[in-house]
Amino acid sequence: MPKSETVLVNEREAAKIIGMSVSWIQQSRRGIIPNAPPFIKFGRNVRYSKPDLESWISKNRRTPKSE
């Protein structure tokens, strides 16, 4: 997808995409919870890029350790 067509979503949609609450996403953005997904700010408006959210999910994927 070209950069000019990047889909931006609000915090409610972003929370749904990553499977977390709106409260969690707000706290992570403020630094209360570490390792927040990247966000974009336009004045008071906060948006999240769908490709950034998908990348954040992939980076946080863990596999169980074998014993």
Protein backbone atom coordinates (compact mmCIF):
# COMPACT_ATOMS: atom_id res chain seq x y z
CA MET A 1 0.00 0.00 0.00
CA PRO A 2 1.50 3.38 -0.94
CA LYS A 3 2.14 5.74 1.96
CA SER A 4 -0.50 8.14 0.66
CA GLU A 5 -3.11 5.40 1.17
CA THR A 6 -2.17 4.45 4.73
CA VAL A 7 -5.33 3.86 6.73
CA LEU A 8 -5.50 5.73 10.03
CA VAL A 9 -7.86 4.69 12.81
CA ASN A 10 -8.90 6.34 16.07
CA GLU A 11 -8.02 4.94 19.50
CA ARG A 12 -11.25 2.94 19.81
CA GLU A 13 -10.65 1.20 16.48
CA ALA A 14 -6.95 0.69 17.33
CA ALA A 15 -7.85 -0.89 20.67
CA LYS A 16 -10.22 -3.28 18.90
CA ILE A 17 -7.56 -4.21 16.31
CA ILE A 18 -4.98 -5.10 18.97
CA GLY A 19 -7.50 -6.69 21.33
CA MET A 20 -7.03 -4.29 24.23
CA SER A 21 -9.27 -1.76 25.98
CA VAL A 22 -9.43 1.92 25.09
CA SER A 23 -8.17 2.64 28.62
CA TRP A 24 -5.11 0.44 28.02
CA ILE A 25 -4.28 2.15 24.75
CA GLN A 26 -4.65 5.60 26.36
CA GLN A 27 -2.39 4.64 29.27
CA SER A 28 0.22 3.10 26.97
CA ARG A 29 0.27 6.25 24.89
CA ARG A 30 0.91 8.35 28.01
CA GLY A 31 3.83 6.12 29.02
CA ILE A 32 2.05 4.54 32.00
CA ILE A 33 2.26 1.15 30.27
CA PRO A 34 5.55 0.46 28.45
CA ASN A 35 5.89 -0.72 24.87
CA ALA A 36 3.04 1.28 23.37
CA PRO A 37 2.05 0.95 19.74
CA PRO A 38 3.20 3.95 17.66
CA PHE A 39 0.68 6.75 17.18
CA ILE A 40 0.25 9.96 15.21
CA LYS A 41 -1.01 13.18 16.71
CA PHE A 42 -2.77 15.99 14.83
CA GLY A 43 -3.41 18.68 17.44
CA ARG A 44 -5.67 16.92 19.95
CA ASN A 45 -6.55 14.09 17.57
CA VAL A 46 -4.70 10.81 17.99
CA ARG A 47 -4.61 8.28 15.19
CA TYR A 48 -2.95 4.92 14.65
CA SER A 49 -1.73 3.51 11.36
CA LYS A 50 -3.10 0.02 10.64
CA PRO A 51 0.29 -1.15 9.26
CA ASP A 52 1.99 0.15 12.44
CA LEU A 53 -0.49 -1.76 14.60
CA GLU A 54 0.04 -4.96 12.61
CA SER A 55 3.81 -4.54 12.92
CA TRP A 56 3.50 -3.90 16.68
CA ILE A 57 1.47 -7.10 17.06
CA SER A 58 4.11 -9.10 15.15
CA LYS A 59 6.95 -7.66 17.22
CA ASN A 60 5.20 -8.67 20.43
CA ARG A 61 4.49 -12.24 19.37
CA ARG A 62 6.02 -14.79 21.71
CA THR A 63 6.34 -18.54 21.48
CA PRO A 64 6.43 -20.87 24.46
CA LYS A 65 9.82 -22.07 25.59
CA SER A 66 10.33 -25.81 25.41
CA GLU A 67 11.42 -27.42 28.63
